[in-house]
Amino acid sequence: MMKPNFYNLVIVSPGDPRILKFHISRRVIMILIVAFLVSFLVTVAVGYTISRLESRSSEGARLLRTENQTLQVENKNAMIRNQKLQAQLDDIEKRSERVTTLLESD
């Protein structure tokens, strides 16, 4: 028994009286199979690459959040130190004024 060199694809629509006939050769079938496999492999490769890039970017975002939190804590600590230094400076200025007034009164 010989293998057929081409196949017929017949499409019949229930609402349309026309009949569509396609003659498909073995070569066309092989080309379609190869095209499907290539497109599938490209899709898998792109999906794998994108997922790796997303994991890298999510790791980078996590590192940025951690660094941001650290900088916020350092900023708050610096503000508290500034407030303490300002209070000490105010106290020293008051003492300096007292010493000045005491020296002037003598």
N, C-alpha and C. Protein backbone atom coordinates (compact mmCIF):
# COMPACT_ATOMS: atom_id res chain seq x y z
N MET A 1 0.84 -1.18 0.00
CA MET A 1 0.00 0.00 0.00
C MET A 1 0.88 1.24 0.00
N MET A 2 0.62 2.15 -0.89
CA MET A 2 1.40 3.38 -1.01
C MET A 2 0.82 4.45 -0.12
N LYS A 3 1.72 5.29 0.39
CA LYS A 3 1.28 6.43 1.19
C LYS A 3 0.79 7.52 0.24
N PRO A 4 -0.29 8.22 0.62
CA PRO A 4 -0.78 9.29 -0.27
C PRO A 4 0.18 10.47 -0.28
N ASN A 5 0.25 11.14 -1.42
CA ASN A 5 1.12 12.30 -1.56
C ASN A 5 0.46 13.57 -1.08
N PHE A 6 -0.85 13.58 -0.99
CA PHE A 6 -1.55 14.76 -0.49
C PHE A 6 -2.83 14.32 0.20
N TYR A 7 -3.34 15.21 1.02
CA TYR A 7 -4.57 14.96 1.77
C TYR A 7 -5.57 16.05 1.43
N ASN A 8 -6.84 15.72 1.56
CA ASN A 8 -7.90 16.70 1.32
C ASN A 8 -8.52 17.07 2.67
N LEU A 9 -8.70 18.35 2.86
CA LEU A 9 -9.40 18.85 4.05
C LEU A 9 -10.66 19.53 3.55
N VAL A 10 -11.80 19.01 3.98
CA VAL A 10 -13.08 19.54 3.54
C VAL A 10 -13.76 20.17 4.74
N ILE A 11 -14.17 21.44 4.60
CA ILE A 11 -14.85 22.16 5.67
C ILE A 11 -16.26 22.46 5.21
N VAL A 12 -17.22 21.96 6.01
CA VAL A 12 -18.64 22.17 5.69
C VAL A 12 -19.25 22.94 6.85
N SER A 13 -19.85 24.08 6.54
CA SER A 13 -20.51 24.89 7.55
C SER A 13 -22.00 24.59 7.52
N PRO A 14 -22.64 24.41 8.70
CA PRO A 14 -24.06 24.07 8.69
C PRO A 14 -24.93 25.20 8.14
N GLY A 15 -24.55 26.45 8.31
CA GLY A 15 -25.38 27.55 7.85
C GLY A 15 -25.01 28.06 6.47
N ASP A 16 -23.91 27.60 5.92
CA ASP A 16 -23.41 28.10 4.64
C ASP A 16 -23.42 26.96 3.63
N PRO A 17 -24.03 27.13 2.46
CA PRO A 17 -24.09 26.03 1.48
C PRO A 17 -22.74 25.77 0.79
N ARG A 18 -21.78 26.68 0.97
CA ARG A 18 -20.49 26.47 0.30
C ARG A 18 -19.67 25.40 1.02
N ILE A 19 -18.89 24.70 0.28
CA ILE A 19 -17.98 23.70 0.83
C ILE A 19 -16.56 24.15 0.50
N LEU A 20 -15.72 24.21 1.52
CA LEU A 20 -14.33 24.61 1.32
C LEU A 20 -13.47 23.36 1.25
N LYS A 21 -12.66 23.28 0.19
CA LYS A 21 -11.77 22.12 0.02
C LYS A 21 -10.33 22.63 -0.02
N PHE A 22 -9.49 21.98 0.75
CA PHE A 22 -8.06 22.29 0.77
C PHE A 22 -7.30 21.02 0.42
N HIS A 23 -6.33 21.16 -0.44
CA HIS A 23 -5.45 20.04 -0.77
C HIS A 23 -4.13 20.31 -0.05
N ILE A 24 -3.76 19.40 0.82
CA ILE A 24 -2.56 19.58 1.65
C ILE A 24 -1.59 18.44 1.33
N SER A 25 -0.37 18.82 0.96
CA SER A 25 0.63 17.81 0.63
C SER A 25 1.40 17.41 1.89
N ARG A 26 2.13 16.32 1.77
CA ARG A 26 2.94 15.86 2.92
C ARG A 26 4.00 16.90 3.29
N ARG A 27 4.52 17.57 2.30
CA ARG A 27 5.54 18.59 2.56
C ARG A 27 4.97 19.74 3.38
N VAL A 28 3.76 20.17 3.06
CA VAL A 28 3.11 21.25 3.81
C VAL A 28 2.85 20.80 5.24
N ILE A 29 2.43 19.56 5.42
CA ILE A 29 2.19 19.03 6.77
C ILE A 29 3.48 19.04 7.57
N MET A 30 4.57 18.62 6.96
CA MET A 30 5.86 18.61 7.66
C MET A 30 6.29 20.04 8.01
N ILE A 31 6.08 20.97 7.09
CA ILE A 31 6.43 22.38 7.36
C ILE A 31 5.60 22.91 8.52
N LEU A 32 4.31 22.60 8.57
CA LEU A 32 3.45 23.04 9.67
C LEU A 32 3.90 22.44 11.00
N ILE A 33 4.27 21.18 11.00
CA ILE A 33 4.74 20.53 12.23
C ILE A 33 6.04 21.18 12.71
N VAL A 34 6.97 21.41 11.80
CA VAL A 34 8.24 22.05 12.17
C VAL A 34 7.99 23.47 12.67
N ALA A 35 7.11 24.21 12.01
CA ALA A 35 6.81 25.58 12.44
C ALA A 35 6.19 25.57 13.83
N PHE A 36 5.30 24.61 14.10
CA PHE A 36 4.69 24.51 15.43
C PHE A 36 5.76 24.22 16.48
N LEU A 37 6.64 23.27 16.21
CA LEU A 37 7.68 22.92 17.18
C LEU A 37 8.62 24.10 17.45
N VAL A 38 9.01 24.80 16.38
CA VAL A 38 9.91 25.95 16.55
C VAL A 38 9.22 27.04 17.36
N SER A 39 7.97 27.34 17.04
CA SER A 39 7.27 28.39 17.78
C SER A 39 7.06 27.98 19.24
N PHE A 40 6.78 26.71 19.48
CA PHE A 40 6.62 26.23 20.86
C PHE A 40 7.92 26.38 21.64
N LEU A 41 9.03 25.97 21.05
CA LEU A 41 10.33 26.07 21.73
C LEU A 41 10.72 27.53 21.97
N VAL A 42 10.44 28.40 21.02
CA VAL A 42 10.73 29.83 21.21
C VAL A 42 9.88 30.39 22.34
N THR A 43 8.62 30.01 22.39
CA THR A 43 7.73 30.47 23.47
C THR A 43 8.23 30.01 24.83
N VAL A 44 8.64 28.76 24.93
CA VAL A 44 9.17 28.24 26.20
C VAL A 44 10.45 28.99 26.58
N ALA A 45 11.33 29.23 25.63
CA ALA A 45 12.58 29.93 25.92
C ALA A 45 12.32 31.36 26.38
N VAL A 46 11.41 32.05 25.72
CA VAL A 46 11.08 33.43 26.10
C VAL A 46 10.45 33.45 27.49
N GLY A 47 9.54 32.52 27.75
CA GLY A 47 8.92 32.44 29.08
C GLY A 47 9.94 32.18 30.17
N TYR A 48 10.88 31.30 29.90
CA TYR A 48 11.93 31.00 30.88
C TYR A 48 12.81 32.23 31.12
N THR A 49 13.16 32.93 30.06
CA THR A 49 13.99 34.12 30.19
C THR A 49 13.27 35.21 30.96
N ILE A 50 12.01 35.43 30.65
CA ILE A 50 11.24 36.47 31.35
C ILE A 50 11.09 36.14 32.82
N SER A 51 10.83 34.87 33.14
CA SER A 51 10.69 34.51 34.55
C SER A 51 11.99 34.72 35.30
N ARG A 52 13.12 34.46 34.67
CA ARG A 52 14.42 34.70 35.32
C ARG A 52 14.64 36.19 35.52
N LEU A 53 14.26 37.01 34.54
CA LEU A 53 14.42 38.45 34.68
C LEU A 53 13.52 38.99 35.78
N GLU A 54 12.30 38.46 35.88
CA GLU A 54 11.38 38.91 36.93
C GLU A 54 11.90 38.54 38.30
N SER A 55 12.50 37.36 38.42
CA SER A 55 13.04 36.96 39.72
C SER A 55 14.22 37.86 40.10
N ARG A 56 15.02 38.24 39.11
CA ARG A 56 16.12 39.16 39.39
C ARG A 56 15.61 40.53 39.80
N SER A 57 14.58 41.00 39.08
CA SER A 57 14.05 42.33 39.40
C SER A 57 13.34 42.31 40.75
N SER A 58 12.68 41.20 41.10
CA SER A 58 12.03 41.14 42.41
C SER A 58 13.08 41.10 43.51
N GLU A 59 14.21 40.43 43.26
CA GLU A 59 15.29 40.43 44.24
C GLU A 59 15.88 41.83 44.38
N GLY A 60 16.02 42.52 43.26
CA GLY A 60 16.52 43.89 43.31
C GLY A 60 15.57 44.81 44.05
N ALA A 61 14.26 44.61 43.84
CA ALA A 61 13.26 45.42 44.54
C ALA A 61 13.31 45.15 46.04
N ARG A 62 13.52 43.90 46.41
CA ARG A 62 13.62 43.55 47.83
C ARG A 62 14.85 44.22 48.44
N LEU A 63 15.96 44.20 47.73
CA LEU A 63 17.17 44.86 48.22
C LEU A 63 16.96 46.36 48.36
N LEU A 64 16.26 46.96 47.41
CA LEU A 64 15.98 48.39 47.48
C LEU A 64 15.08 48.72 48.66
N ARG A 65 14.08 47.88 48.92
CA ARG A 65 13.21 48.11 50.09
C ARG A 65 14.01 48.03 51.38
N THR A 66 14.89 47.04 51.47
CA THR A 66 15.72 46.89 52.67
C THR A 66 16.62 48.09 52.86
N GLU A 67 17.25 48.54 51.78
CA GLU A 67 18.13 49.71 51.86
C GLU A 67 17.33 50.95 52.22
N ASN A 68 16.12 51.08 51.68
CA ASN A 68 15.27 52.22 51.99
C ASN A 68 14.91 52.24 53.47
N GLN A 69 14.56 51.09 54.01
CA GLN A 69 14.23 51.01 55.44
C GLN A 69 15.44 51.38 56.29
N THR A 70 16.61 50.90 55.91
CA THR A 70 17.84 51.22 56.65
C THR A 70 18.10 52.72 56.63
N LEU A 71 17.94 53.33 55.46
CA LEU A 71 18.17 54.77 55.35
C LEU A 71 17.13 55.56 56.14
N GLN A 72 15.89 55.09 56.19
CA GLN A 72 14.88 55.78 56.99
C GLN A 72 15.23 55.72 58.48
N VAL A 73 15.71 54.57 58.94
CA VAL A 73 16.12 54.44 60.34
C VAL A 73 17.29 55.36 60.64
N GLU A 74 18.27 55.38 59.73
CA GLU A 74 19.43 56.27 59.93
C GLU A 74 18.98 57.73 59.94
N ASN A 75 18.02 58.09 59.09
CA ASN A 75 17.52 59.46 59.03
C ASN A 75 16.83 59.83 60.35
N LYS A 76 16.01 58.91 60.88
CA LYS A 76 15.35 59.19 62.16
C LYS A 76 16.37 59.32 63.29
N ASN A 77 17.39 58.46 63.29
CA ASN A 77 18.44 58.54 64.31
C ASN A 77 19.18 59.88 64.22
N ALA A 78 19.44 60.32 62.99
CA ALA A 78 20.13 61.60 62.81
C ALA A 78 19.25 62.75 63.31
N MET A 79 17.95 62.68 63.09
CA MET A 79 17.05 63.73 63.57
C MET A 79 17.03 63.76 65.11
N ILE A 80 17.03 62.58 65.71
CA ILE A 80 17.04 62.53 67.19
C ILE A 80 18.35 63.10 67.72
N ARG A 81 19.49 62.76 67.09
CA ARG A 81 20.78 63.31 67.52
C ARG A 81 20.80 64.83 67.37
N ASN A 82 20.22 65.32 66.25
CA ASN A 82 20.16 66.78 66.05
C ASN A 82 19.33 67.46 67.13
N GLN A 83 18.20 66.83 67.50
CA GLN A 83 17.37 67.41 68.56
C GLN A 83 18.12 67.45 69.89
N LYS A 84 18.87 66.37 70.19
CA LYS A 84 19.65 66.34 71.44
C LYS A 84 20.74 67.40 71.41
N LEU A 85 21.42 67.51 70.26
CA LEU A 85 22.47 68.52 70.15
C LEU A 85 21.89 69.93 70.26
N GLN A 86 20.72 70.14 69.69
CA GLN A 86 20.07 71.45 69.79
C GLN A 86 19.73 71.77 71.24
N ALA A 87 19.24 70.76 71.96
CA ALA A 87 18.92 70.96 73.38
C ALA A 87 20.18 71.28 74.18
N GLN A 88 21.27 70.56 73.89
CA GLN A 88 22.54 70.85 74.58
C GLN A 88 23.04 72.24 74.23
N LEU A 89 22.91 72.63 72.96
CA LEU A 89 23.33 73.95 72.54
C LEU A 89 22.51 75.03 73.24
N ASP A 90 21.21 74.84 73.34
CA ASP A 90 20.36 75.80 74.06
C ASP A 90 20.78 75.91 75.52
N ASP A 91 21.09 74.76 76.14
CA ASP A 91 21.52 74.77 77.54
C ASP A 91 22.84 75.51 77.69
N ILE A 92 23.77 75.29 76.78
CA ILE A 92 25.07 75.98 76.84
C ILE A 92 24.88 77.48 76.63
N GLU A 93 23.99 77.87 75.73
CA GLU A 93 23.74 79.30 75.50
C GLU A 93 23.14 79.95 76.75
N LYS A 94 22.23 79.27 77.42
CA LYS A 94 21.65 79.81 78.65
C LYS A 94 22.71 79.96 79.72
N ARG A 95 23.60 78.97 79.86
CA ARG A 95 24.69 79.06 80.85
C ARG A 95 25.64 80.20 80.49
N SER A 96 25.90 80.34 79.17
CA SER A 96 26.78 81.41 78.74
C SER A 96 26.17 82.77 79.06
N GLU A 97 24.87 82.91 78.87
CA GLU A 97 24.20 84.17 79.21
C GLU A 97 24.28 84.43 80.71
N ARG A 98 24.11 83.39 81.53
CA ARG A 98 24.21 83.56 82.99
C ARG A 98 25.60 83.98 83.39
N VAL A 99 26.61 83.33 82.79
CA VAL A 99 27.99 83.69 83.11
C VAL A 99 28.26 85.13 82.70
N THR A 100 27.76 85.51 81.51
CA THR A 100 27.97 86.87 81.02
C THR A 100 27.29 87.88 81.97
N THR A 101 26.06 87.60 82.37
CA THR A 101 25.38 88.52 83.28
C THR A 101 26.07 88.56 84.63
N LEU A 102 26.59 87.46 85.11
CA LEU A 102 27.31 87.44 86.39
C LEU A 102 28.62 88.24 86.28
N LEU A 103 29.32 88.09 85.17
CA LEU A 103 30.56 88.84 84.99
C LEU A 103 30.29 90.35 84.85
N GLU A 104 29.20 90.70 84.21
CA GLU A 104 28.87 92.12 84.05
C GLU A 104 28.42 92.75 85.37
N SER A 105 27.77 91.96 86.20
CA SER A 105 27.28 92.51 87.48
C SER A 105 28.41 92.68 88.49
N ASP A 106 29.49 91.95 88.33
CA ASP A 106 30.62 92.10 89.27
C ASP A 106 31.44 93.27 88.92
